[in-house]
Amino acid sequence: MTELHAQRSTILIVDDVPTNIEILLGALERDYETRFATSGAEMLTLLDDDKPDLILLDIMMPGMDGYEVCQRLKEDPITQQIPVIFLTARNEVQDQERGFQLGAVDYITKPFELSLLRARVRTHVMLKRKTDLLEALVSLDGLTSIPNRRRFDEMLHTEWLRTMRDQTPLSLLMADVDQFKHYNDHYGHGSGDDCLREVARCLVAALERPGDLGARYGGEEFAAILPNCDQQGACLVAERFRALVASRGIPHACSSVSSHVTISVGIATITPSEQTPQALLRQADLALYQAKRDGRNRVSCGGLDHRSGQNPVTE
């Protein structure tokens, strides 16, 4: 079994006719994780919890038809990459053309020819997996193997839109390895690379929720996006990150802060309204600058200053 086949893909079936759902489940559930919805509105609700790898979408449904559902999917950055195959009893060229213009990848006509249905589903699942793999490869930092700046920017845009819609808090963590240039000059770039890899591992370990994203922002800078996380929660994550790096005890003979490698972290939290993601980045940068100015090896959270085992510090 290849790596692409190692994990079962998820197929979401959307049809208002129970018999059609039963036929499709019977044809697909042996090879895929399957879910179903009986209306477009129900399907959109399901997508709030989990994103399938492929959607089989009936066109003719009461209320919101398949065309409208597909249009909504493709207008939302969070769902626009999910491939959609239309299910229809109509085989007119104009109908198919409209579906492809909306972003569908294929049509399957009723009554279902199950062998062709399985073949088409298999083809589009494999294409989705290969696309996801390529996206993952170009989104990883070559040195640390965590998400890179490109992936960070994409995720920030997506989460900004989501929090605008839901009016939930969004927190951003910006961190910098203290006096890293001195470290590189003293120990050499090879050791500097090893240090950055260890800091990246600490960042990943500090993020405990699946929806959080840690990234190498550039050079010795790291960042994390914390959706639906208030300032208090973000400060706890940042302090966990800071403490993990300190606990590694990586020697830093040229640091004026400590005998080992340390980081400074800035936190910004916002509920998006008229602002932009750049405003949140600026706030996090200012908080990071404040942590540096106050002596490094600490977390600055909107005026709160944290250091493991001590009360808030001002220097």
Protein backbone atom coordinates (compact mmCIF):
# COMPACT_ATOMS: atom_id res chain seq x y z
CA MET A 1 0.00 0.00 0.00
CA THR A 2 1.45 3.40 -0.99
CA GLU A 3 1.63 6.38 1.32
CA LEU A 4 -1.11 8.10 -0.67
CA HIS A 5 -3.44 5.20 0.17
CA ALA A 6 -2.40 4.93 3.83
CA GLN A 7 -5.24 7.12 5.11
CA ARG A 8 -8.86 6.66 4.06
CA SER A 9 -10.32 9.66 2.29
CA THR A 10 -13.67 11.12 3.29
CA ILE A 11 -16.57 11.38 0.83
CA LEU A 12 -19.59 13.57 1.62
CA ILE A 13 -22.80 12.59 -0.21
CA VAL A 14 -25.53 15.23 -0.54
CA ASP A 15 -28.88 14.07 -1.91
CA ASP A 16 -32.48 14.56 -0.80
CA VAL A 17 -33.51 11.04 -1.91
CA PRO A 18 -32.69 8.39 0.75
CA THR A 19 -32.56 5.59 -1.84
CA ASN A 20 -29.81 7.39 -3.76
CA ILE A 21 -27.82 7.86 -0.55
CA GLU A 22 -28.14 4.16 0.26
CA ILE A 23 -26.89 3.19 -3.21
CA LEU A 24 -23.90 5.53 -2.98
CA LEU A 25 -23.02 4.45 0.56
CA GLY A 26 -23.13 0.83 -0.52
CA ALA A 27 -20.81 1.54 -3.42
CA LEU A 28 -18.26 3.63 -1.52
CA GLU A 29 -18.19 2.88 2.21
CA ARG A 30 -15.85 -0.11 1.84
CA ASP A 31 -13.05 2.10 0.48
CA TYR A 32 -13.79 5.51 2.01
CA GLU A 33 -15.02 7.21 5.12
CA THR A 34 -18.52 8.31 4.13
CA ARG A 35 -20.94 10.91 5.46
CA PHE A 36 -24.17 12.21 4.04
CA ALA A 37 -26.58 15.13 4.17
CA THR A 38 -30.09 15.42 2.77
CA SER A 39 -30.01 19.14 1.95
CA GLY A 40 -27.59 21.89 1.02
CA ALA A 41 -28.15 23.67 4.32
CA GLU A 42 -27.36 20.52 6.29
CA MET A 43 -24.20 19.99 4.24
CA LEU A 44 -22.91 23.50 4.94
CA THR A 45 -23.43 22.89 8.65
CA LEU A 46 -21.42 19.65 8.48
CA LEU A 47 -18.52 21.49 6.86
CA ASP A 48 -18.11 23.61 9.98
CA ASP A 49 -16.79 20.54 11.80
CA ASP A 50 -14.76 18.68 9.19
CA LYS A 51 -13.73 19.04 5.56
CA PRO A 52 -14.22 16.03 3.25
CA ASP A 53 -11.84 15.15 0.45
CA LEU A 54 -14.66 15.01 -2.11
CA ILE A 55 -18.34 16.02 -2.28
CA LEU A 56 -20.95 14.17 -4.34
CA LEU A 57 -23.65 16.81 -4.76
CA ASP A 58 -27.14 16.34 -6.16
CA ILE A 59 -28.29 19.23 -8.36
CA MET A 60 -32.07 19.00 -8.01
CA MET A 61 -32.87 19.53 -4.33
CA PRO A 62 -35.67 21.55 -2.71
CA GLY A 63 -34.73 24.89 -1.24
CA MET A 64 -31.06 25.38 -2.02
CA ASP A 65 -30.18 23.47 -5.20
CA GLY A 66 -26.78 22.00 -6.00
CA TYR A 67 -25.72 24.95 -8.14
CA GLU A 68 -26.22 27.40 -5.27
CA VAL A 69 -24.46 25.09 -2.82
CA CYS A 70 -21.49 24.74 -5.16
CA GLN A 71 -21.31 28.50 -5.65
CA ARG A 72 -21.20 29.04 -1.89
CA LEU A 73 -18.46 26.45 -1.52
CA LYS A 74 -16.31 28.08 -4.18
CA GLU A 75 -16.81 31.59 -2.78
CA ASP A 76 -15.54 30.57 0.67
CA PRO A 77 -11.71 30.31 0.92
CA ILE A 78 -12.12 27.66 3.61
CA THR A 79 -14.02 25.26 1.32
CA GLN A 80 -13.20 26.34 -2.23
CA GLN A 81 -10.51 23.67 -2.72
CA ILE A 82 -12.88 20.73 -2.01
CA PRO A 83 -13.63 19.00 -5.34
CA VAL A 84 -17.33 18.67 -6.20
CA ILE A 85 -18.89 16.02 -8.46
CA PHE A 86 -22.46 16.78 -9.46
CA LEU A 87 -25.10 14.05 -9.36
CA THR A 88 -27.91 14.60 -11.84
CA ALA A 89 -30.60 12.90 -13.90
CA ARG A 90 -30.23 15.66 -16.49
CA ASN A 91 -27.64 15.29 -19.22
CA GLU A 92 -28.03 18.56 -21.11
CA VAL A 93 -24.84 20.27 -22.26
CA GLN A 94 -26.01 23.61 -20.85
CA ASP A 95 -26.46 22.07 -17.39
CA GLN A 96 -23.00 20.55 -17.41
CA GLU A 97 -21.45 23.76 -18.69
CA ARG A 98 -23.05 25.72 -15.85
CA GLY A 99 -21.70 23.26 -13.29
CA PHE A 100 -18.16 23.41 -14.65
CA GLN A 101 -18.30 27.21 -14.66
CA LEU A 102 -19.20 27.10 -10.97
CA GLY A 103 -16.14 24.94 -10.25
CA ALA A 104 -17.37 21.33 -10.36
CA VAL A 105 -14.78 18.75 -11.43
CA ASP A 106 -17.12 16.12 -12.92
CA TYR A 107 -20.69 14.91 -13.51
CA ILE A 108 -22.23 11.53 -12.69
CA THR A 109 -25.63 10.86 -14.21
CA LYS A 110 -28.50 8.89 -12.73
CA PRO A 111 -29.28 6.03 -12.71
CA PHE A 112 -25.78 5.28 -11.37
CA GLU A 113 -23.44 2.92 -13.18
CA LEU A 114 -21.59 1.89 -10.03
CA SER A 115 -18.36 0.71 -11.63
CA LEU A 116 -17.97 4.07 -13.43
CA LEU A 117 -18.97 5.96 -10.30
CA ARG A 118 -16.28 4.21 -8.25
CA ALA A 119 -13.69 4.83 -10.98
CA ARG A 120 -14.48 8.54 -11.19
CA VAL A 121 -14.48 8.96 -7.43
CA ARG A 122 -11.14 7.14 -7.19
CA THR A 123 -9.62 9.37 -9.88
CA HIS A 124 -10.65 12.61 -8.21
CA VAL A 125 -9.65 11.42 -4.73
CA MET A 126 -6.17 10.58 -6.03
CA LEU A 127 -5.90 13.97 -7.75
CA LYS A 128 -6.93 15.68 -4.51
CA ARG A 129 -4.35 13.72 -2.52
CA LYS A 130 -1.57 14.57 -4.97
CA THR A 131 -2.58 18.23 -4.93
CA ASP A 132 -2.59 18.23 -1.13
CA LEU A 133 0.85 16.61 -1.08
CA LEU A 134 2.29 19.21 -3.46
CA GLU A 135 0.71 22.00 -1.43
CA ALA A 136 2.23 20.59 1.74
CA LEU A 137 5.68 20.36 0.16
CA VAL A 138 5.72 23.97 -1.06
CA SER A 139 4.32 25.14 2.28
CA LEU A 140 7.09 23.69 4.46
CA ASP A 141 10.26 25.44 5.55
CA GLY A 142 13.25 23.55 4.14
CA LEU A 143 15.37 23.86 7.29
CA THR A 144 12.91 23.18 10.10
CA SER A 145 10.19 21.17 8.28
CA ILE A 146 7.44 23.27 9.84
CA PRO A 147 5.14 25.56 7.80
CA ASN A 148 6.88 28.45 6.07
CA ARG A 149 6.01 32.12 5.62
CA ARG A 150 3.90 31.37 2.55
CA ARG A 151 1.72 28.93 4.46
CA PHE A 152 1.53 31.33 7.40
CA ASP A 153 0.25 34.16 5.20
CA GLU A 154 -2.35 31.89 3.57
CA MET A 155 -3.56 30.60 6.93
CA LEU A 156 -3.75 34.08 8.43
CA HIS A 157 -5.94 35.25 5.55
CA THR A 158 -8.23 32.22 5.89
CA GLU A 159 -8.56 32.51 9.66
CA TRP A 160 -9.14 36.24 9.40
CA LEU A 161 -12.12 35.64 7.13
CA ARG A 162 -13.42 32.92 9.45
CA THR A 163 -13.20 35.12 12.54
CA MET A 164 -14.78 38.02 10.68
CA ARG A 165 -17.71 35.71 9.94
CA ASP A 166 -17.98 34.18 13.42
CA GLN A 167 -16.77 37.20 15.43
CA THR A 168 -14.44 35.07 17.53
CA PRO A 169 -11.02 36.15 18.84
CA LEU A 170 -7.89 35.52 16.82
CA SER A 171 -4.46 35.56 18.47
CA LEU A 172 -1.03 35.82 16.93
CA LEU A 173 2.31 34.84 18.47
CA MET A 174 5.58 36.32 17.21
CA ALA A 175 8.87 35.03 18.63
CA ASP A 176 12.55 35.71 18.08
CA VAL A 177 15.64 33.80 19.24
CA ASP A 178 17.50 36.16 21.55
CA GLN A 179 20.88 37.37 20.22
CA PHE A 180 20.96 34.71 17.54
CA LYS A 181 23.59 36.55 15.46
CA HIS A 182 26.03 36.23 18.38
CA TYR A 183 25.17 32.51 18.56
CA ASN A 184 25.88 32.02 14.85
CA ASP A 185 29.12 34.00 15.00
CA HIS A 186 30.39 31.99 17.96
CA TYR A 187 29.20 28.44 17.20
CA GLY A 188 28.95 28.54 13.40
CA HIS A 189 26.03 28.32 10.99
CA GLY A 190 25.73 24.54 11.26
CA SER A 191 25.07 24.80 14.98
CA GLY A 192 22.79 27.74 14.26
CA ASP A 193 20.70 25.56 11.97
CA ASP A 194 20.51 22.86 14.66
CA CYS A 195 19.37 25.50 17.16
CA LEU A 196 16.58 26.71 14.86
CA ARG A 197 15.40 23.14 14.31
CA GLU A 198 15.17 22.62 18.07
CA VAL A 199 13.26 25.88 18.56
CA ALA A 200 10.85 24.76 15.81
CA ARG A 201 10.27 21.47 17.64
CA CYS A 202 9.51 23.42 20.81
CA LEU A 203 6.98 25.55 18.95
CA VAL A 204 5.19 22.47 17.60
CA ALA A 205 5.15 20.94 21.09
CA ALA A 206 3.69 24.13 22.58
CA LEU A 207 0.70 24.09 20.22
CA GLU A 208 -1.79 21.58 21.60
CA ARG A 209 -4.90 22.30 19.47
CA PRO A 210 -5.22 20.84 15.95
CA GLY A 211 -6.33 24.19 14.49
CA ASP A 212 -3.24 26.11 15.64
CA LEU A 213 -0.45 26.75 13.13
CA GLY A 214 3.20 27.33 13.98
CA ALA A 215 5.58 28.57 11.29
CA ARG A 216 9.07 29.81 10.66
CA TYR A 217 8.44 33.43 9.82
CA GLY A 218 11.94 34.16 8.56
CA GLY A 219 15.52 33.91 9.81
CA GLU A 220 15.38 33.32 13.56
CA GLU A 221 11.76 34.49 13.80
CA PHE A 222 8.85 32.13 14.46
CA ALA A 223 5.11 32.76 14.54
CA ALA A 224 1.88 30.99 15.42
CA ILE A 225 -1.76 31.57 14.49
CA LEU A 226 -4.20 30.70 17.30
CA PRO A 227 -7.82 30.76 16.05
CA ASN A 228 -10.64 31.25 18.56
CA CYS A 229 -8.09 31.91 21.30
CA ASP A 230 -8.33 34.86 23.68
CA GLN A 231 -5.40 36.80 25.11
CA GLN A 232 -5.15 34.73 28.27
CA GLY A 233 -5.02 31.47 26.33
CA ALA A 234 -2.48 32.88 23.88
CA CYS A 235 -0.23 34.00 26.71
CA LEU A 236 -0.29 30.49 28.17
CA VAL A 237 0.75 29.04 24.79
CA ALA A 238 3.52 31.61 24.43
CA GLU A 239 4.85 30.97 27.93
CA ARG A 240 4.82 27.22 27.27
CA PHE A 241 6.87 27.85 24.11
CA ARG A 242 9.33 30.10 25.95
CA ALA A 243 9.75 27.63 28.79
CA LEU A 244 10.27 24.69 26.44
CA VAL A 245 13.10 26.48 24.64
CA ALA A 246 14.72 27.43 27.94
CA SER A 247 14.41 23.87 29.24
CA ARG A 248 16.47 22.53 26.31
CA GLY A 249 19.53 24.20 27.85
CA ILE A 250 21.22 24.89 24.50
CA PRO A 251 24.51 26.62 25.47
CA HIS A 252 24.82 30.27 24.43
CA ALA A 253 28.13 31.60 25.72
CA CYS A 254 27.69 34.97 24.00
CA SER A 255 24.24 35.82 25.35
CA SER A 256 23.79 38.71 27.75
CA VAL A 257 20.45 37.19 28.78
CA SER A 258 21.30 33.67 29.90
CA SER A 259 23.92 30.95 29.60
CA HIS A 260 21.55 29.08 27.30
CA VAL A 261 19.41 29.91 24.25
CA THR A 262 16.25 31.88 25.05
CA ILE A 263 13.42 33.44 23.07
CA SER A 264 11.30 36.55 23.37
CA VAL A 265 7.63 36.37 22.44
CA GLY A 266 4.99 38.95 21.61
CA ILE A 267 1.24 38.29 21.63
CA ALA A 268 -1.61 40.15 19.94
CA THR A 269 -5.31 39.31 20.12
CA ILE A 270 -8.12 40.84 18.15
CA THR A 271 -11.71 40.22 17.10
CA PRO A 272 -11.66 41.32 13.45
CA SER A 273 -13.96 44.12 12.36
CA GLU A 274 -12.71 47.04 10.30
CA GLN A 275 -9.04 46.17 10.83
CA THR A 276 -6.81 44.10 8.57
CA PRO A 277 -4.51 41.13 9.24
CA GLN A 278 -1.61 43.56 8.92
CA ALA A 279 -2.91 45.41 11.98
CA LEU A 280 -2.70 42.20 14.01
CA LEU A 281 0.83 41.56 12.74
CA ARG A 282 1.87 45.08 13.74
CA GLN A 283 0.46 44.58 17.24
CA ALA A 284 2.34 41.30 17.64
CA ASP A 285 5.55 42.92 16.37
CA LEU A 286 5.16 45.74 18.87
CA ALA A 287 4.61 43.25 21.67
CA LEU A 288 7.73 41.34 20.62
CA TYR A 289 9.70 44.58 20.59
CA GLN A 290 8.41 45.30 24.10
CA ALA A 291 9.59 41.88 25.31
CA LYS A 292 13.03 42.59 23.86
CA ARG A 293 13.17 46.05 25.38
CA ASP A 294 12.18 44.72 28.79
CA GLY A 295 15.13 42.35 28.92
CA ARG A 296 14.35 39.39 26.58
CA ASN A 297 13.54 35.80 27.61
CA ARG A 298 9.95 36.76 28.31
CA VAL A 299 6.46 37.02 26.87
CA SER A 300 4.74 40.34 26.32
CA CYS A 301 0.94 40.02 26.15
CA GLY A 302 -0.66 43.39 25.64
CA GLY A 303 0.94 44.91 28.71
CA LEU A 304 1.30 41.62 30.62
CA ASP A 305 4.86 40.39 31.07
CA HIS A 306 5.40 36.71 31.87
CA ARG A 307 8.50 34.85 32.92
CA SER A 308 8.51 31.32 34.26
CA GLY A 309 8.57 31.21 38.03
CA GLN A 310 8.45 35.00 38.50
CA ASN A 311 5.94 37.79 38.83
CA PRO A 312 5.52 40.22 35.90
CA VAL A 313 8.85 41.91 35.28
CA THR A 314 9.66 45.43 34.17
CA GLU A 315 13.25 46.44 33.53
